[in-house]
Amino acid sequence: VVEFSLSFFSFPCEVFTKQLDAHPPQQQHRHWAQICSGNPTNRIRGCDRYGCGSFGADRHGGKEKHAGVDVICSDGATVYAPFSGQLSGPIRFFHNGNAIDDGVQIRGSGNCCFLTWLPAPSLPGYCVKLVCIHPIRYHGQIRRGQQLGKMLPMQKVYPGITSHIHVENCDHSDPTHLLTPAVPPSPQQDERWAAVCAGNPTNEIRGCDKYGCGYYGAPRRSGKGKHRAVDVICADGATVYAPFSGQLSGPVKFFHNGNAIDDGVQIRGSGFCVKLLCIHPVRYNGAISKGQVLGRMLPMQRVFPGITSHIHIENCDHSDPTSNLERGKGQ
């Protein structure tokens, strides 16, 4: 789709809007969510008889440049919000009422109205126009990954073209690096987990007691096995928090005997996958944010009197989570 220009739409948080205008949000190095179903990597249209989809591609016989990128999307496919923000529109590009002359703008990055007190250079946020889609609505708030609308029938207007969503930053900068998904880090890479248990802000790991030791690789079954997890100290009944944002699944049973601590949950997301055992989660399914209340510590003293009560934390791939837990120190 060829370049178009439109003035910024008004945004409810006026102070935030002024700060974003002064400091273009597209300069931040983050990554957006998948935009079109069937295109999980936000793959960009190559070249066809109508032109090329990359940023800066020739338009009008080389007299102009493409001010956006064209993200491949099949006609009728579901479209999702790349980030959280405020909707405004409609956006018309062709101004002729054809089958694909619709679109919407998203401005923000979530929590916009709660961030107006921050210094402008530190404000997070984006502003983007998505064209050739029909949004569910033109106004209101939307969250990252939430259904935004559907792809319009581009083949009706341009038979044989690679159907796509035209994605254009409001400041006409290149959004390509934001569209390219980040490579998920392994559990050993540079991400900080939050404190897991109330009363243990540094995620201190259980030492040794009459039942054994809590560090990764500690002997189990009289030395015939190894501990493939770490035990984070947590008092019975204490509040438990999510170490990172992700999706919950469970329940996870370890003892399989219905004792007082045979409960737990798995969190997968943010490049991690971990099981937290000997806790009772507030729920077993759905999304959870880093630091949000996950549940409570179960009464371990009932089952193992005199043990150092703890949450058993085990990476899904059985790798050592110690370094991620230690990064919570001093936070």
Protein backbone atom coordinates (compact mmCIF):
# COMPACT_ATOMS: atom_id res chain seq x y z
CA VAL A 1 0.00 0.00 0.00
CA VAL A 2 1.38 3.39 -0.89
CA GLU A 3 2.30 6.04 1.64
CA PHE A 4 -0.35 8.18 3.29
CA SER A 5 -0.23 10.98 5.85
CA LEU A 6 -2.71 11.71 8.61
CA SER A 7 -2.50 13.98 11.61
CA PHE A 8 -2.44 12.43 15.09
CA PHE A 9 -5.81 11.77 16.57
CA SER A 10 -6.69 13.18 19.97
CA PHE A 11 -5.85 11.03 22.97
CA PRO A 12 -7.72 11.16 26.30
CA CYS A 13 -4.58 11.57 28.39
CA GLU A 14 -3.62 15.05 27.21
CA VAL A 15 -0.41 15.37 29.18
CA PHE A 16 0.74 11.96 28.01
CA THR A 17 -0.07 12.91 24.43
CA LYS A 18 2.11 16.03 24.55
CA GLN A 19 4.99 14.06 25.99
CA LEU A 20 4.67 11.39 23.32
CA ASP A 21 4.63 14.02 20.58
CA ALA A 22 7.86 15.50 21.92
CA HIS A 23 9.52 12.12 22.31
CA PRO A 24 8.51 9.71 19.49
CA PRO A 25 7.66 6.37 21.09
CA GLN A 26 8.93 4.28 18.22
CA GLN A 27 12.53 4.68 19.38
CA GLN A 28 12.12 2.03 22.06
CA HIS A 29 13.56 -1.43 21.41
CA ARG A 30 10.73 -3.75 22.26
CA HIS A 31 8.81 -6.25 20.20
CA TRP A 32 5.16 -6.30 19.26
CA ALA A 33 2.78 -9.22 19.44
CA GLN A 34 1.61 -11.24 16.46
CA ILE A 35 -0.70 -9.09 14.33
CA CYS A 36 -2.39 -11.56 11.99
CA SER A 37 -3.53 -15.12 12.65
CA GLY A 38 -1.54 -17.48 10.48
CA ASN A 39 1.53 -15.23 10.55
CA PRO A 40 3.12 -15.75 14.00
CA THR A 41 6.40 -14.04 13.02
CA ASN A 42 4.79 -10.95 11.45
CA ARG A 43 6.38 -11.88 8.13
CA ILE A 44 6.53 -8.94 5.75
CA ARG A 45 5.25 -9.06 2.19
CA GLY A 46 7.97 -9.45 -0.41
CA CYS A 47 7.53 -8.20 -3.98
CA ASP A 48 4.68 -8.91 -6.38
CA ARG A 49 3.38 -7.19 -9.49
CA TYR A 50 1.97 -4.36 -7.36
CA GLY A 51 5.24 -3.56 -5.59
CA CYS A 52 7.18 -4.54 -2.45
CA GLY A 53 6.14 -4.50 1.19
CA SER A 54 9.33 -3.43 2.93
CA PHE A 55 9.83 -0.05 4.55
CA GLY A 56 11.24 2.44 2.06
CA ALA A 57 10.20 0.46 -1.02
CA ASP A 58 9.56 2.53 -4.17
CA ARG A 59 6.12 4.00 -4.74
CA HIS A 60 4.81 5.96 -7.74
CA GLY A 61 7.62 4.94 -10.05
CA GLY A 62 10.32 5.76 -7.51
CA LYS A 63 9.04 9.26 -6.80
CA GLU A 64 7.96 8.30 -3.29
CA LYS A 65 8.90 5.76 -0.65
CA HIS A 66 6.79 3.30 1.32
CA ALA A 67 6.30 4.82 4.78
CA GLY A 68 5.15 1.60 6.39
CA VAL A 69 5.55 -2.15 6.17
CA ASP A 70 3.08 -4.68 4.80
CA VAL A 71 2.50 -7.58 7.19
CA ILE A 72 1.19 -10.64 5.34
CA CYS A 73 -2.40 -11.46 6.27
CA SER A 74 -4.94 -13.62 4.45
CA ASP A 75 -8.26 -12.07 3.52
CA GLY A 76 -10.71 -12.58 6.37
CA ALA A 77 -8.05 -13.53 8.93
CA THR A 78 -8.30 -12.39 12.55
CA VAL A 79 -6.20 -9.35 13.41
CA TYR A 80 -4.74 -8.72 16.89
CA ALA A 81 -3.47 -5.63 18.68
CA PRO A 82 0.36 -5.47 18.57
CA PHE A 83 0.46 -3.61 21.90
CA SER A 84 -1.92 -2.15 24.48
CA GLY A 85 -3.31 1.31 23.91
CA GLN A 86 -6.10 3.62 22.87
CA LEU A 87 -7.96 3.20 19.60
CA SER A 88 -8.98 6.04 17.29
CA GLY A 89 -10.43 6.09 13.82
CA PRO A 90 -11.65 5.22 11.32
CA ILE A 91 -8.64 5.71 9.05
CA ARG A 92 -9.39 5.98 5.36
CA PHE A 93 -6.55 5.61 2.89
CA PHE A 94 -8.17 5.29 -0.48
CA HIS A 95 -11.09 7.63 0.26
CA ASN A 96 -13.15 5.87 -2.39
CA GLY A 97 -15.15 3.41 -0.35
CA ASN A 98 -13.51 0.34 -1.85
CA ALA A 99 -13.54 -3.01 -0.05
CA ILE A 100 -10.32 -2.36 1.92
CA ASP A 101 -10.67 1.36 2.74
CA ASP A 102 -10.75 1.00 6.50
CA GLY A 103 -8.33 0.97 9.41
CA VAL A 104 -7.60 2.16 12.92
CA GLN A 105 -4.86 3.80 14.98
CA ILE A 106 -3.50 2.50 18.29
CA ARG A 107 -1.60 4.81 20.57
CA GLY A 108 -0.01 3.79 23.85
CA SER A 109 1.55 0.75 25.47
CA GLY A 110 -0.93 0.07 28.24
CA ASN A 111 -1.43 1.93 31.53
CA CYS A 112 -1.05 5.22 29.67
CA CYS A 113 -3.13 7.31 32.02
CA PHE A 114 -1.12 6.14 35.02
CA LEU A 115 2.24 7.22 33.59
CA THR A 116 1.77 10.94 32.96
CA TRP A 117 3.82 11.84 35.99
CA LEU A 118 6.95 10.15 34.64
CA PRO A 119 9.69 12.19 32.93
CA ALA A 120 8.91 12.28 29.22
CA PRO A 121 12.07 10.47 28.01
CA SER A 122 11.19 7.41 30.12
CA LEU A 123 7.59 7.11 28.94
CA PRO A 124 6.85 3.85 27.19
CA GLY A 125 4.54 3.81 24.22
CA TYR A 126 3.90 3.51 20.52
CA CYS A 127 1.62 5.00 17.91
CA VAL A 128 0.73 2.99 14.82
CA LYS A 129 -1.85 2.92 12.05
CA LEU A 130 -3.14 -0.43 10.77
CA VAL A 131 -4.83 -0.11 7.40
CA CYS A 132 -6.87 -2.51 5.23
CA ILE A 133 -8.53 -4.05 8.26
CA HIS A 134 -11.98 -3.65 9.75
CA PRO A 135 -11.67 -3.14 13.52
CA ILE A 136 -14.20 -4.39 16.03
CA ARG A 137 -14.44 -0.79 17.23
CA TYR A 138 -12.78 2.52 16.48
CA HIS A 139 -12.53 3.90 20.01
CA GLY A 140 -11.73 2.72 23.51
CA GLN A 141 -8.88 0.74 24.98
CA ILE A 142 -7.41 -2.51 23.73
CA ARG A 143 -4.82 -4.84 25.18
CA ARG A 144 -1.83 -6.46 23.52
CA GLY A 145 -2.88 -9.66 21.76
CA GLN A 146 -6.59 -8.90 22.05
CA GLN A 147 -8.67 -9.33 18.89
CA LEU A 148 -8.63 -6.05 16.98
CA GLY A 149 -10.70 -6.95 13.93
CA LYS A 150 -10.42 -8.81 10.65
CA MET A 151 -8.46 -8.52 7.42
CA LEU A 152 -10.47 -7.03 4.56
CA PRO A 153 -10.81 -8.70 1.12
CA MET A 154 -7.74 -7.25 -0.60
CA GLN A 155 -7.98 -9.70 -3.48
CA LYS A 156 -11.20 -7.99 -4.57
CA VAL A 157 -9.27 -4.75 -5.10
CA TYR A 158 -5.83 -6.07 -6.13
CA PRO A 159 -6.23 -9.58 -7.61
CA GLY A 160 -3.05 -11.60 -7.16
CA ILE A 161 -1.41 -9.28 -4.63
CA THR A 162 0.07 -10.73 -1.43
CA SER A 163 -2.73 -9.76 0.95
CA HIS A 164 -1.41 -7.72 3.85
CA ILE A 165 -2.00 -5.19 6.58
CA HIS A 166 -0.29 -1.86 6.03
CA VAL A 167 1.42 -1.03 9.34
CA GLU A 168 2.71 2.54 9.66
CA ASN A 169 4.27 4.30 12.64
CA CYS A 170 2.67 7.68 13.30
CA ASP A 171 6.08 9.35 13.12
CA HIS A 172 6.85 7.56 9.82
CA SER A 173 9.81 5.72 11.35
CA ASP A 174 10.57 2.13 10.42
CA PRO A 175 8.58 -0.41 12.50
CA THR A 176 10.37 -3.46 11.10
CA HIS A 177 12.47 -4.16 14.21
CA LEU A 178 9.36 -3.97 16.38
CA LEU A 179 7.52 -6.48 14.21
CA THR A 180 10.32 -9.04 14.32
CA PRO A 181 9.66 -11.27 17.35
CA ALA A 182 12.32 -11.40 20.03
CA VAL A 183 14.07 -14.75 20.43
CA PRO A 184 12.69 -16.17 23.69
CA PRO A 185 15.45 -16.36 26.27
CA SER A 186 16.24 -19.64 27.94
CA PRO A 187 15.74 -19.82 31.69
CA GLN A 188 19.46 -19.08 32.11
CA GLN A 189 19.49 -15.73 30.29
CA ASP A 190 19.20 -12.18 31.53
CA GLU A 191 15.74 -11.87 32.99
CA ARG A 192 14.95 -11.01 36.59
CA TRP A 193 12.34 -13.00 38.43
CA ALA A 194 10.30 -11.31 41.11
CA ALA A 195 10.32 -12.34 44.76
CA VAL A 196 8.29 -15.55 44.94
CA CYS A 197 7.23 -15.60 48.59
CA ALA A 198 6.18 -12.86 50.99
CA GLY A 199 8.79 -12.52 53.70
CA ASN A 200 11.61 -13.72 51.43
CA PRO A 201 12.45 -10.73 49.18
CA THR A 202 15.75 -12.26 48.01
CA ASN A 203 14.34 -15.69 47.10
CA GLU A 204 16.62 -17.29 49.68
CA ILE A 205 17.05 -21.00 49.06
CA ARG A 206 16.54 -23.60 51.76
CA GLY A 207 19.77 -24.94 53.22
CA CYS A 208 19.99 -28.40 54.77
CA ASP A 209 17.78 -29.93 57.46
CA LYS A 210 16.95 -33.45 58.59
CA TYR A 211 14.98 -34.02 55.40
CA GLY A 212 17.75 -32.99 53.02
CA CYS A 213 19.02 -29.88 51.21
CA GLY A 214 17.24 -27.39 48.96
CA TYR A 215 19.87 -26.45 46.40
CA TYR A 216 19.84 -27.65 42.80
CA GLY A 217 21.56 -31.03 42.40
CA ALA A 218 21.30 -31.95 46.08
CA PRO A 219 21.22 -35.74 46.71
CA ARG A 220 17.84 -37.45 46.73
CA ARG A 221 16.87 -41.06 47.47
CA SER A 222 20.06 -41.73 49.47
CA GLY A 223 22.26 -40.41 46.70
CA LYS A 224 20.62 -42.40 43.92
CA GLY A 225 18.92 -39.31 42.55
CA LYS A 226 19.49 -35.57 42.29
CA HIS A 227 17.27 -32.60 43.13
CA ARG A 228 16.30 -31.09 39.76
CA ALA A 229 14.83 -27.99 41.33
CA VAL A 230 15.45 -25.46 44.09
CA ASP A 231 13.51 -24.95 47.30
CA VAL A 232 12.71 -21.29 47.99
CA ILE A 233 12.05 -20.65 51.66
CA CYS A 234 8.42 -19.76 52.35
CA ALA A 235 6.51 -19.82 55.63
CA ASP A 236 3.35 -21.90 55.78
CA GLY A 237 0.37 -19.77 54.75
CA ALA A 238 2.49 -17.00 53.19
CA THR A 239 1.41 -15.23 50.01
CA VAL A 240 3.07 -16.49 46.85
CA TYR A 241 3.73 -14.29 43.80
CA ALA A 242 4.32 -14.99 40.11
CA PRO A 243 8.05 -14.80 39.33
CA PHE A 244 7.32 -13.65 35.75
CA SER A 245 4.37 -13.02 33.47
CA GLY A 246 2.83 -15.94 31.63
CA GLN A 247 0.06 -18.44 31.21
CA LEU A 248 -1.03 -20.74 34.02
CA SER A 249 -1.78 -24.44 33.70
CA GLY A 250 -2.48 -27.08 36.28
CA PRO A 251 -3.02 -28.44 38.77
CA VAL A 252 0.45 -29.95 39.14
CA LYS A 253 0.64 -32.84 41.62
CA PHE A 254 3.98 -34.03 42.96
CA PHE A 255 3.15 -36.51 45.71
CA HIS A 256 -0.02 -37.93 44.10
CA ASN A 257 -1.34 -38.94 47.49
CA GLY A 258 -3.66 -36.06 48.34
CA ASN A 259 -1.59 -34.88 51.31
CA ALA A 260 -1.83 -31.31 52.59
CA ILE A 261 0.85 -29.96 50.22
CA ASP A 262 0.09 -31.95 47.05
CA ASP A 263 -0.80 -28.98 44.85
CA GLY A 264 0.92 -26.59 42.47
CA VAL A 265 0.79 -24.84 39.14
CA GLN A 266 2.89 -24.23 36.03
CA ILE A 267 3.65 -20.83 34.47
CA ARG A 268 4.84 -20.57 30.89
CA GLY A 269 5.76 -17.24 29.33
CA SER A 270 8.36 -14.48 29.04
CA GLY A 271 10.77 -17.10 27.73
CA PHE A 272 10.43 -19.31 30.82
CA CYS A 273 8.51 -22.36 31.94
CA VAL A 274 8.45 -23.29 35.61
CA LYS A 275 6.47 -25.44 38.05
CA LEU A 276 5.80 -24.13 41.55
CA LEU A 277 4.83 -26.91 43.95
CA CYS A 278 3.53 -27.09 47.51
CA ILE A 279 1.39 -24.02 46.94
CA HIS A 280 -2.32 -23.54 46.32
CA PRO A 281 -2.82 -21.16 43.39
CA VAL A 282 -5.69 -18.69 43.17
CA ARG A 283 -6.48 -20.34 39.82
CA TYR A 284 -5.00 -23.01 37.56
CA ASN A 285 -5.58 -21.38 34.19
CA GLY A 286 -5.41 -17.97 32.55
CA ALA A 287 -2.84 -15.21 32.32
CA ILE A 288 -0.86 -13.81 35.24
CA SER A 289 1.50 -10.87 35.52
CA LYS A 290 4.92 -10.77 37.16
CA GLY A 291 4.55 -9.99 40.87
CA GLN A 292 0.81 -10.68 40.90
CA VAL A 293 -0.57 -12.85 43.73
CA LEU A 294 -0.30 -16.44 42.56
CA GLY A 295 -1.61 -18.18 45.67
CA ARG A 296 -0.48 -19.22 49.13
CA MET A 297 2.04 -21.56 50.68
CA LEU A 298 0.54 -24.84 51.90
CA PRO A 299 1.06 -26.24 55.45
CA MET A 300 4.31 -28.15 54.91
CA GLN A 301 4.89 -28.61 58.64
CA ARG A 302 1.88 -30.93 58.76
CA VAL A 303 3.56 -33.31 56.37
CA PHE A 304 7.24 -32.80 57.29
CA PRO A 305 7.44 -31.48 60.89
CA GLY A 306 10.61 -29.46 61.46
CA ILE A 307 11.50 -29.02 57.77
CA THR A 308 12.38 -25.59 56.43
CA SER A 309 9.07 -24.80 54.72
CA HIS A 310 9.59 -23.99 51.08
CA ILE A 311 8.22 -23.78 47.53
CA HIS A 312 9.66 -26.37 45.18
CA ILE A 313 10.58 -24.49 41.97
CA GLU A 314 11.42 -26.59 38.97
CA ASN A 315 12.18 -25.49 35.42
CA CYS A 316 10.12 -27.47 32.90
CA ASP A 317 13.34 -28.53 31.14
CA HIS A 318 14.92 -29.53 34.48
CA SER A 319 17.68 -26.92 34.10
CA ASP A 320 18.96 -24.97 37.11
CA PRO A 321 16.79 -21.93 37.99
CA THR A 322 19.13 -20.67 40.72
CA SER A 323 20.58 -17.75 38.74
CA ASN A 324 17.11 -16.44 37.90
CA LEU A 325 16.03 -16.58 41.52
CA GLU A 326 19.21 -14.90 42.74
CA ARG A 327 18.61 -11.99 40.39
CA GLY A 328 15.74 -11.04 42.66
CA LYS A 329 18.19 -10.08 45.38
CA GLY A 330 18.06 -6.44 46.27
CA GLN A 331 15.01 -5.82 44.09
